[in-house]
Amino acid sequence: MKAPPPTRNMALDRLLAERASAPIRVGMVGAGAAARAIALQLVGSTPGIRLVAIANRTVANARRAFAEAGDPPVVEVSTGEQLDRAVSIGRCAVTADATALITSHLIQAIIEVTGTVEYAAHVVTTAVEHRKHVVLVNAELDATVGPILARRAAEHGVVLTNTDGDEPGVAMTLLRYLRSLGLRPVAAGNLKGLVDHYRTPETQRAFAERHGQNPQKAASFADATKLSMEATVLANATGFRVGKRGMYGPSCPDVREIATRLPADEMLSSGLVDYALDTAPYTGAFVIVHEPDPRKQRLLSYGKLGAGPFYVFYTPFHLPHLQIASTIARAVLLHDPTVCPLDAGSPVCETIAIAKRDLRAGEQLDGVGGFCTYGLIDNADAAAAADALPMGVAEGCRLTRDVPRDTALTYADVELPADRLIDELRREQQATLVSTAPSREP
């Protein structure tokens, strides 16, 4: 008897096992520390998925990623046709031009892991036009233009998704599971060990060198920019808002206490994205649900979840290089994004640029994790009313006037670089999505 075709309800492990002889072919753009970790897992370790090509503007770094992942035979290519020939005879491909991956007929999904904004915007828009599914390991891009990119992907019949393993994906995977149980999520967010808005690439250099990271990237982890961008991605996927610019970020010894540290009325009225600071288990993501029924409260109390009516569920790990496999499989096999902006929705939140020090007219901003600005999440309507400059747009802008430390930058404070795709996408996002914002029940 012939087996039935795969359904959305079939477990991913079974679906991927069935693809062992014809794995999902994936290409990756970027070859930094995060990309090398992903390559280590996807080259030979993950059933049903095969990383076949890496594009990086410095080709030697792409070769390094494959070498560290088991050293499969590698061919340097410059076109999609050359890439397909290499893959068809069992080779992996490296290239300086991401277009080769995008125009390949064999690659089904692109992982974007550069952490850039302008360059990544070109990669992603072109990839969806060529009907490639796109997995973003790039909160910087997603927080800035995720909604318009999601719309473009849907128009071309492909999936755009952030990844499981990064905190927005960990939280969203848990949140969707809880919804499937009949529970009502009202808040979600990260666990964070440190927030210091004035960290710079110089203060983080030793940490970055110890962990093989870029110092500017490491500074974005500490100064709240990456935290805010990840919360923005989660807000735009859930419809939840922030209670104030930058979030509340309560410090509590154990994540289960955060249910009592966030405003109940705000969780119930709009839902909240937020974070817990210096909180065990110190990594992962949490979701808070609300259960008003006293009978159900007694059962949850018996299950050691507390007295309620707010209950904390959490995942005590986030491992992007491992968990990305489930996101790839869901996108390609089930057409299901792990975490993606709401359908036809305008941004719920934005990450805006704040002066890290006193800035002077004529200075050029150095972007995410730099010496000039840090990013804070704010509600999109408040950011628009203030004409706030998005953090993802800031790099390369030149100041037209002085801006004091800890002041939010506005578009009126800067001169934008000419002819950037990111600015075009921002204009399109604001023009086409704001008027179509749906109601957002948490």
Protein backbone atom coordinates (compact mmCIF):
# COMPACT_ATOMS: atom_id res chain seq x y z
CA MET A 1 0.00 0.00 0.00
CA LYS A 2 1.39 3.38 -0.99
CA ALA A 3 2.22 5.71 1.92
CA PRO A 4 0.21 8.93 2.15
CA PRO A 5 1.95 12.16 1.18
CA PRO A 6 3.59 14.21 3.97
CA THR A 7 1.28 16.50 5.91
CA ARG A 8 1.85 19.48 8.17
CA ASN A 9 1.16 17.20 11.11
CA MET A 10 3.98 14.76 10.34
CA ALA A 11 6.95 15.14 12.68
CA LEU A 12 9.95 16.93 11.23
CA ASP A 13 12.30 14.12 12.21
CA ARG A 14 10.35 11.70 10.01
CA LEU A 15 10.13 14.16 7.14
CA LEU A 16 13.87 14.81 7.25
CA ALA A 17 14.67 11.11 7.55
CA GLU A 18 12.70 10.53 4.37
CA ARG A 19 14.85 13.18 2.66
CA ALA A 20 18.15 11.45 3.49
CA SER A 21 18.71 10.38 -0.11
CA ALA A 22 17.50 13.69 -1.57
CA PRO A 23 18.34 16.32 1.06
CA ILE A 24 17.16 19.91 1.08
CA ARG A 25 19.95 21.89 -0.57
CA VAL A 26 20.86 25.06 1.28
CA GLY A 27 23.15 27.96 0.47
CA MET A 28 24.52 30.37 3.06
CA VAL A 29 25.54 34.00 2.68
CA GLY A 30 28.17 34.97 5.24
CA ALA A 31 31.12 33.18 6.80
CA GLY A 32 31.66 34.80 10.21
CA ALA A 33 31.61 33.08 13.58
CA ALA A 34 27.85 32.37 13.53
CA ALA A 35 28.00 31.10 9.96
CA ARG A 36 30.92 28.78 10.70
CA ALA A 37 28.99 27.27 13.61
CA ILE A 38 26.01 26.66 11.32
CA ALA A 39 28.25 25.09 8.68
CA LEU A 40 29.76 22.77 11.29
CA GLN A 41 26.29 21.38 11.97
CA LEU A 42 24.81 21.35 8.46
CA VAL A 43 27.76 19.72 6.70
CA GLY A 44 27.18 16.03 7.27
CA SER A 45 25.45 16.10 10.68
CA THR A 46 21.82 17.03 9.97
CA PRO A 47 19.65 14.38 8.31
CA GLY A 48 17.76 15.55 5.26
CA ILE A 49 19.58 18.89 4.93
CA ARG A 50 22.82 19.61 3.11
CA LEU A 51 24.74 22.88 3.04
CA VAL A 52 26.10 22.94 -0.51
CA ALA A 53 27.38 26.49 -1.00
CA ILE A 54 28.68 29.50 0.90
CA ALA A 55 28.96 33.02 -0.48
CA ASN A 56 31.25 35.50 1.20
CA ARG A 57 32.88 38.61 -0.19
CA THR A 58 36.18 37.22 1.09
CA VAL A 59 36.17 33.76 -0.48
CA ALA A 60 38.93 32.50 1.81
CA ASN A 61 36.52 32.81 4.74
CA ALA A 62 33.94 30.70 2.92
CA ARG A 63 36.61 28.06 2.33
CA ARG A 64 37.52 28.23 6.00
CA ALA A 65 33.92 27.55 7.02
CA PHE A 66 33.81 24.38 4.93
CA ALA A 67 37.29 23.32 6.07
CA GLU A 68 36.31 23.61 9.74
CA ALA A 69 33.08 21.69 9.05
CA GLY A 70 34.80 18.52 7.82
CA ASP A 71 36.65 19.71 4.72
CA PRO A 72 34.37 18.42 1.95
CA PRO A 73 35.62 18.87 -1.63
CA VAL A 74 35.08 22.53 -2.59
CA VAL A 75 34.99 24.31 -5.95
CA GLU A 76 35.09 28.08 -6.42
CA VAL A 77 32.33 29.30 -8.76
CA SER A 78 31.02 32.60 -10.06
CA THR A 79 27.62 31.70 -11.53
CA GLY A 80 24.57 29.67 -10.61
CA GLU A 81 25.20 27.35 -13.55
CA GLN A 82 28.74 26.60 -12.35
CA LEU A 83 27.43 26.05 -8.82
CA ASP A 84 24.83 23.55 -10.04
CA ARG A 85 27.44 21.59 -11.98
CA ALA A 86 29.65 21.38 -8.88
CA VAL A 87 26.81 20.25 -6.63
CA SER A 88 25.56 17.69 -9.16
CA ILE A 89 28.90 15.86 -8.95
CA GLY A 90 28.99 15.94 -5.15
CA ARG A 91 31.12 19.03 -4.59
CA CYS A 92 30.41 22.05 -2.40
CA ALA A 93 30.76 25.55 -3.82
CA VAL A 94 32.26 28.80 -2.58
CA THR A 95 31.85 32.17 -4.26
CA ALA A 96 32.31 35.88 -3.69
CA ASP A 97 28.96 36.62 -5.32
CA ALA A 98 25.73 35.66 -3.54
CA THR A 99 23.95 35.87 -6.90
CA ALA A 100 25.41 32.47 -7.76
CA LEU A 101 23.47 30.93 -4.87
CA ILE A 102 20.33 32.87 -5.69
CA THR A 103 20.27 31.88 -9.38
CA SER A 104 21.10 28.23 -8.72
CA HIS A 105 18.38 25.81 -9.79
CA LEU A 106 19.36 23.30 -7.10
CA ILE A 107 19.43 25.44 -3.96
CA GLN A 108 16.04 25.64 -2.26
CA ALA A 109 16.77 27.92 0.70
CA ILE A 110 19.19 30.73 1.49
CA ILE A 111 20.51 31.38 5.00
CA GLU A 112 21.40 35.08 5.41
CA VAL A 113 23.89 35.41 8.27
CA THR A 114 25.97 38.50 7.49
CA GLY A 115 24.56 40.78 10.19
CA THR A 116 24.57 43.59 7.63
CA VAL A 117 21.58 45.69 6.62
CA GLU A 118 22.15 47.27 3.19
CA TYR A 119 24.03 44.31 1.68
CA ALA A 120 21.61 41.80 3.21
CA ALA A 121 18.63 43.75 1.89
CA HIS A 122 19.93 43.26 -1.66
CA VAL A 123 20.53 39.56 -1.04
CA VAL A 124 17.10 38.90 0.45
CA THR A 125 15.04 40.90 -2.04
CA THR A 126 16.80 39.19 -4.95
CA ALA A 127 16.47 35.76 -3.34
CA VAL A 128 12.71 36.01 -2.89
CA GLU A 129 12.35 37.30 -6.47
CA HIS A 130 14.05 34.06 -7.53
CA ARG A 131 11.63 32.11 -5.33
CA LYS A 132 14.11 31.00 -2.73
CA HIS A 133 13.02 30.49 0.85
CA VAL A 134 15.07 32.74 3.15
CA VAL A 135 16.14 32.02 6.72
CA LEU A 136 17.35 35.16 8.49
CA VAL A 137 20.05 34.86 11.12
CA ASN A 138 20.01 38.63 10.91
CA ALA A 139 17.93 40.50 13.48
CA GLU A 140 19.45 43.76 12.23
CA LEU A 141 17.72 43.44 8.87
CA ASP A 142 14.54 41.83 10.19
CA ALA A 143 13.98 44.52 12.83
CA THR A 144 14.38 47.24 10.20
CA VAL A 145 12.40 46.01 7.18
CA GLY A 146 11.05 42.58 8.16
CA PRO A 147 7.40 43.41 7.46
CA ILE A 148 7.94 44.60 3.88
CA LEU A 149 10.32 41.71 3.15
CA ALA A 150 7.72 39.26 4.48
CA ARG A 151 5.12 40.79 2.17
CA ARG A 152 7.43 40.48 -0.82
CA ALA A 153 8.20 36.87 0.04
CA ALA A 154 4.50 36.04 0.29
CA GLU A 155 3.87 37.66 -3.08
CA HIS A 156 6.47 35.33 -4.61
CA GLY A 157 5.14 32.24 -2.83
CA VAL A 158 8.13 31.65 -0.58
CA VAL A 159 8.85 31.75 3.15
CA LEU A 160 10.83 34.46 4.89
CA THR A 161 11.57 33.56 8.49
CA ASN A 162 13.85 34.35 11.36
CA THR A 163 15.42 31.30 12.89
CA ASP A 164 14.76 29.03 15.80
CA GLY A 165 17.74 29.08 18.12
CA ASP A 166 17.94 32.86 18.19
CA GLU A 167 15.75 34.13 21.02
CA PRO A 168 12.82 35.40 18.90
CA GLY A 169 12.51 31.98 17.30
CA VAL A 170 12.86 30.15 20.62
CA ALA A 171 10.15 32.33 22.16
CA MET A 172 7.87 32.08 19.13
CA THR A 173 8.18 28.29 18.91
CA LEU A 174 7.23 28.02 22.58
CA LEU A 175 4.43 30.58 22.24
CA ARG A 176 2.86 28.75 19.30
CA TYR A 177 3.02 25.48 21.19
CA LEU A 178 1.28 27.03 24.19
CA ARG A 179 -1.43 28.47 21.95
CA SER A 180 -1.98 25.00 20.52
CA LEU A 181 -2.76 23.82 24.07
CA GLY A 182 -5.50 26.40 24.46
CA LEU A 183 -3.46 28.78 26.61
CA ARG A 184 -3.37 32.55 26.15
CA PRO A 185 0.15 34.04 25.88
CA VAL A 186 0.32 37.64 27.06
CA ALA A 187 4.08 38.31 27.21
CA ALA A 188 7.30 36.91 25.82
CA GLY A 189 10.97 37.72 25.70
CA ASN A 190 14.65 37.04 26.35
CA LEU A 191 16.87 36.29 29.30
CA LYS A 192 19.74 38.76 29.36
CA GLY A 193 22.89 38.85 31.51
CA LEU A 194 24.13 42.40 30.91
CA VAL A 195 22.87 45.72 29.56
CA ASP A 196 25.28 48.67 29.40
CA HIS A 197 24.39 51.24 26.75
CA TYR A 198 27.91 52.65 26.63
CA ARG A 199 29.81 49.50 25.68
CA THR A 200 31.90 49.91 22.52
CA PRO A 201 34.04 47.72 20.26
CA GLU A 202 37.01 48.75 22.39
CA THR A 203 35.46 47.73 25.71
CA GLN A 204 34.35 44.41 24.19
CA ARG A 205 37.56 43.63 22.28
CA ALA A 206 38.97 41.13 24.80
CA PHE A 207 35.63 39.30 25.06
CA ALA A 208 35.32 39.18 21.28
CA GLU A 209 38.84 37.82 20.82
CA ARG A 210 38.26 35.19 23.49
CA HIS A 211 35.16 33.91 21.68
CA GLY A 212 36.26 34.45 18.08
CA GLN A 213 33.77 37.26 17.46
CA ASN A 214 33.82 40.66 15.84
CA PRO A 215 34.25 43.38 18.54
CA GLN A 216 31.53 45.57 17.03
CA LYS A 217 29.12 42.64 16.98
CA ALA A 218 30.03 41.87 20.60
CA ALA A 219 29.35 45.51 21.55
CA SER A 220 25.85 45.25 20.07
CA PHE A 221 25.17 42.29 22.37
CA ALA A 222 26.07 44.34 25.45
CA ASP A 223 24.69 47.81 24.65
CA ALA A 224 21.04 46.62 24.23
CA THR A 225 20.94 47.01 20.44
CA LYS A 226 20.78 43.30 19.62
CA LEU A 227 18.38 42.74 22.53
CA SER A 228 16.11 45.48 21.21
CA MET A 229 16.25 44.21 17.64
CA GLU A 230 15.41 40.68 18.73
CA ALA A 231 12.50 42.00 20.80
CA THR A 232 11.35 43.99 17.75
CA VAL A 233 11.35 40.83 15.63
CA LEU A 234 9.28 39.08 18.30
CA ALA A 235 6.89 42.02 18.70
CA ASN A 236 6.24 42.17 14.97
CA ALA A 237 5.51 38.42 14.93
CA THR A 238 3.18 38.40 17.95
CA GLY A 239 1.56 41.83 17.86
CA PHE A 240 2.78 42.46 21.42
CA ARG A 241 3.98 45.96 22.33
CA VAL A 242 6.50 47.41 24.78
CA GLY A 243 5.44 49.07 28.01
CA LYS A 244 8.07 51.78 27.59
CA ARG A 245 11.00 52.62 25.35
CA GLY A 246 13.76 50.09 26.04
CA MET A 247 11.39 47.70 27.90
CA TYR A 248 11.18 47.22 31.68
CA GLY A 249 13.87 44.55 31.96
CA PRO A 250 13.26 43.57 35.59
CA SER A 251 16.03 41.83 37.48
CA CYS A 252 14.88 38.70 39.29
CA PRO A 253 16.70 35.61 40.60
CA ASP A 254 14.58 33.12 38.66
CA VAL A 255 12.72 33.52 35.37
CA ARG A 256 9.50 32.23 36.97
CA GLU A 257 9.32 35.45 38.97
CA ILE A 258 8.98 37.68 35.92
CA ALA A 259 5.22 37.09 35.83
CA THR A 260 4.93 39.27 38.95
CA ARG A 261 7.41 41.93 37.75
CA LEU A 262 5.60 43.06 34.59
CA PRO A 263 2.41 45.21 34.66
CA ALA A 264 -0.61 42.92 34.59
CA ASP A 265 -2.87 45.48 32.94
CA GLU A 266 -0.44 45.98 30.06
CA MET A 267 0.03 42.26 29.51
CA LEU A 268 -3.73 41.81 29.33
CA SER A 269 -4.48 44.85 27.18
CA SER A 270 -1.84 44.60 24.45
CA GLY A 271 0.60 41.86 25.32
CA LEU A 272 4.23 42.71 26.10
CA VAL A 273 7.67 41.90 24.80
CA ASP A 274 10.31 42.37 27.47
CA TYR A 275 13.35 40.74 29.04
CA ALA A 276 14.53 39.41 32.37
CA LEU A 277 17.93 40.67 33.55
CA ASP A 278 20.53 38.49 35.28
CA THR A 279 17.95 35.77 35.75
CA ALA A 280 18.39 32.00 36.05
CA PRO A 281 18.70 29.97 33.86
CA TYR A 282 20.54 32.89 32.19
CA THR A 283 19.83 31.82 28.62
CA GLY A 284 16.83 31.03 26.44
CA ALA A 285 13.41 32.67 26.25
CA PHE A 286 10.18 32.85 28.22
CA VAL A 287 6.46 33.13 27.55
CA ILE A 288 3.86 34.25 30.13
CA VAL A 289 0.30 32.97 29.84
CA HIS A 290 -2.84 34.14 31.62
CA GLU A 291 -5.37 31.71 33.02
CA PRO A 292 -8.35 33.29 34.89
CA ASP A 293 -10.33 30.07 35.56
CA PRO A 294 -9.91 29.06 39.27
CA ARG A 295 -10.40 25.38 38.42
CA LYS A 296 -7.58 25.45 35.87
CA GLN A 297 -5.46 27.50 38.24
CA ARG A 298 -5.66 24.69 40.81
CA LEU A 299 -4.38 22.19 38.25
CA LEU A 300 -1.52 24.46 37.23
CA SER A 301 -0.64 25.01 40.87
CA TYR A 302 -0.59 21.25 41.40
CA GLY A 303 1.78 21.10 38.42
CA LYS A 304 4.21 23.38 40.31
CA LEU A 305 3.58 26.46 38.12
CA GLY A 306 2.51 28.75 40.96
CA ALA A 307 -0.68 30.38 42.14
CA GLY A 308 -1.40 32.35 38.96
CA PRO A 309 -3.24 33.83 37.23
CA PHE A 310 0.01 34.48 35.26
CA TYR A 311 2.26 31.50 34.56
CA VAL A 312 5.78 31.41 33.14
CA PHE A 313 6.95 28.85 30.62
CA TYR A 314 10.52 28.95 29.39
CA THR A 315 13.09 27.24 27.21
CA PRO A 316 16.45 27.17 29.02
CA PHE A 317 18.67 27.24 25.92
CA HIS A 318 19.13 28.96 22.58
CA LEU A 319 21.42 27.24 20.09
CA PRO A 320 21.11 28.83 16.65
CA HIS A 321 23.58 26.54 14.92
CA LEU A 322 21.55 23.48 15.99
CA GLN A 323 17.97 24.74 15.97
CA ILE A 324 18.22 26.34 12.54
CA ALA A 325 17.66 22.88 11.05
CA SER A 326 14.03 22.84 12.19
CA THR A 327 13.48 26.29 10.67
CA ILE A 328 14.90 25.17 7.32
CA ALA A 329 12.74 22.05 7.33
CA ARG A 330 9.58 23.93 8.31
CA ALA A 331 10.13 26.53 5.61
CA VAL A 332 10.92 24.16 2.74
CA LEU A 333 8.78 21.13 3.60
CA LEU A 334 5.82 22.72 5.39
CA HIS A 335 5.90 26.30 4.07
CA ASP A 336 5.74 27.39 7.70
CA PRO A 337 7.82 30.32 9.01
CA THR A 338 9.23 29.90 12.50
CA VAL A 339 8.94 33.62 13.28
CA CYS A 340 7.73 36.16 10.76
CA PRO A 341 5.89 39.52 10.87
CA LEU A 342 2.12 39.27 11.05
CA ASP A 343 0.34 38.87 7.74
CA ALA A 344 -0.13 42.26 6.05
CA GLY A 345 0.77 43.95 9.32
CA SER A 346 2.64 47.18 9.84
CA PRO A 347 5.49 47.15 12.34
CA VAL A 348 4.33 46.92 15.93
CA CYS A 349 7.73 47.99 17.24
CA GLU A 350 10.93 49.58 15.93
CA THR A 351 14.49 49.77 17.17
CA ILE A 352 15.55 53.41 17.15
CA ALA A 353 19.01 54.99 17.34
CA ILE A 354 20.08 56.70 20.58
CA ALA A 355 23.26 58.77 20.97
CA LYS A 356 25.90 56.73 22.86
CA ARG A 357 27.87 59.91 23.56
CA ASP A 358 27.60 63.60 22.70
CA LEU A 359 27.56 63.63 18.92
CA ARG A 360 28.69 66.55 16.77
CA ALA A 361 27.42 67.90 13.46
CA GLY A 362 29.40 66.46 10.57
CA GLU A 363 30.11 63.08 12.21
CA GLN A 364 29.27 59.93 10.26
CA LEU A 365 27.42 57.29 12.25
CA ASP A 366 29.04 53.87 12.50
CA GLY A 367 25.93 51.74 12.95
CA VAL A 368 25.07 48.71 15.07
CA GLY A 369 27.53 48.06 17.90
CA GLY A 370 29.68 51.07 17.12
CA PHE A 371 30.95 54.06 19.07
CA CYS A 372 28.17 56.49 18.14
CA THR A 373 24.75 54.99 18.89
CA TYR A 374 22.90 52.20 20.65
CA GLY A 375 19.45 50.90 19.78
CA LEU A 376 16.33 50.81 21.93
CA ILE A 377 13.01 49.24 21.09
CA ASP A 378 9.95 51.50 21.01
CA ASN A 379 6.38 51.13 19.82
CA ALA A 380 6.17 51.86 16.11
CA ASP A 381 3.48 54.51 16.48
CA ALA A 382 5.56 56.39 19.04
CA ALA A 383 8.68 56.10 16.86
CA ALA A 384 6.80 57.39 13.83
CA ALA A 385 5.34 60.31 15.78
CA ALA A 386 8.85 61.31 16.86
CA ASP A 387 10.26 60.83 13.33
CA ALA A 388 12.84 58.59 15.03
CA LEU A 389 15.77 57.25 13.03
CA PRO A 390 15.74 53.44 12.91
CA MET A 391 18.94 51.87 14.18
CA GLY A 392 19.18 49.73 11.05
CA VAL A 393 19.24 52.87 8.90
CA ALA A 394 21.81 54.78 10.98
CA GLU A 395 25.07 53.43 9.55
CA GLY A 396 26.61 55.88 7.08
CA CYS A 397 24.29 58.76 7.97
CA ARG A 398 25.97 62.14 8.52
CA LEU A 399 24.82 64.36 11.36
CA THR A 400 23.51 67.77 10.40
CA ARG A 401 23.48 69.06 14.00
CA ASP A 402 24.74 68.21 17.47
CA VAL A 403 22.89 65.50 19.41
CA PRO A 404 23.43 65.07 23.19
CA ARG A 405 24.15 61.68 24.73
CA ASP A 406 21.07 59.46 25.37
CA THR A 407 18.94 61.49 22.93
CA ALA A 408 16.93 59.70 20.27
CA LEU A 409 18.08 60.63 16.79
CA THR A 410 15.52 61.75 14.22
CA TYR A 411 15.56 61.86 10.45
CA ALA A 412 15.89 65.64 10.77
CA ASP A 413 19.24 65.14 12.55
CA VAL A 414 20.92 63.34 9.65
CA GLU A 415 21.66 63.31 5.97
CA LEU A 416 21.02 59.87 4.49
CA PRO A 417 23.52 58.28 2.09
CA ALA A 418 22.37 58.37 -1.50
CA ASP A 419 20.61 55.54 -3.34
CA ARG A 420 20.31 52.94 -0.59
CA LEU A 421 17.90 50.05 -0.95
CA ILE A 422 17.25 50.04 2.80
CA ASP A 423 15.77 53.55 2.60
CA GLU A 424 13.60 52.54 -0.34
CA LEU A 425 12.31 49.55 1.60
CA ARG A 426 11.62 51.70 4.65
CA ARG A 427 9.56 54.14 2.56
CA GLU A 428 7.63 51.25 1.03
CA GLN A 429 7.06 49.66 4.42
CA GLN A 430 5.73 52.85 5.95
CA ALA A 431 3.57 53.72 2.94
CA THR A 432 2.00 50.34 2.27
CA LEU A 433 1.77 48.69 5.67
CA VAL A 434 0.78 51.32 8.23
CA SER A 435 -2.71 51.72 6.78
CA THR A 436 -3.35 47.98 6.79
CA ALA A 437 -2.45 47.24 10.41
CA PRO A 438 -4.84 44.55 11.77
CA SER A 439 -6.23 44.40 15.25
CA ARG A 440 -3.76 42.74 17.57
CA GLU A 441 -5.19 40.55 20.29
CA PRO A 442 -2.42 38.91 22.38
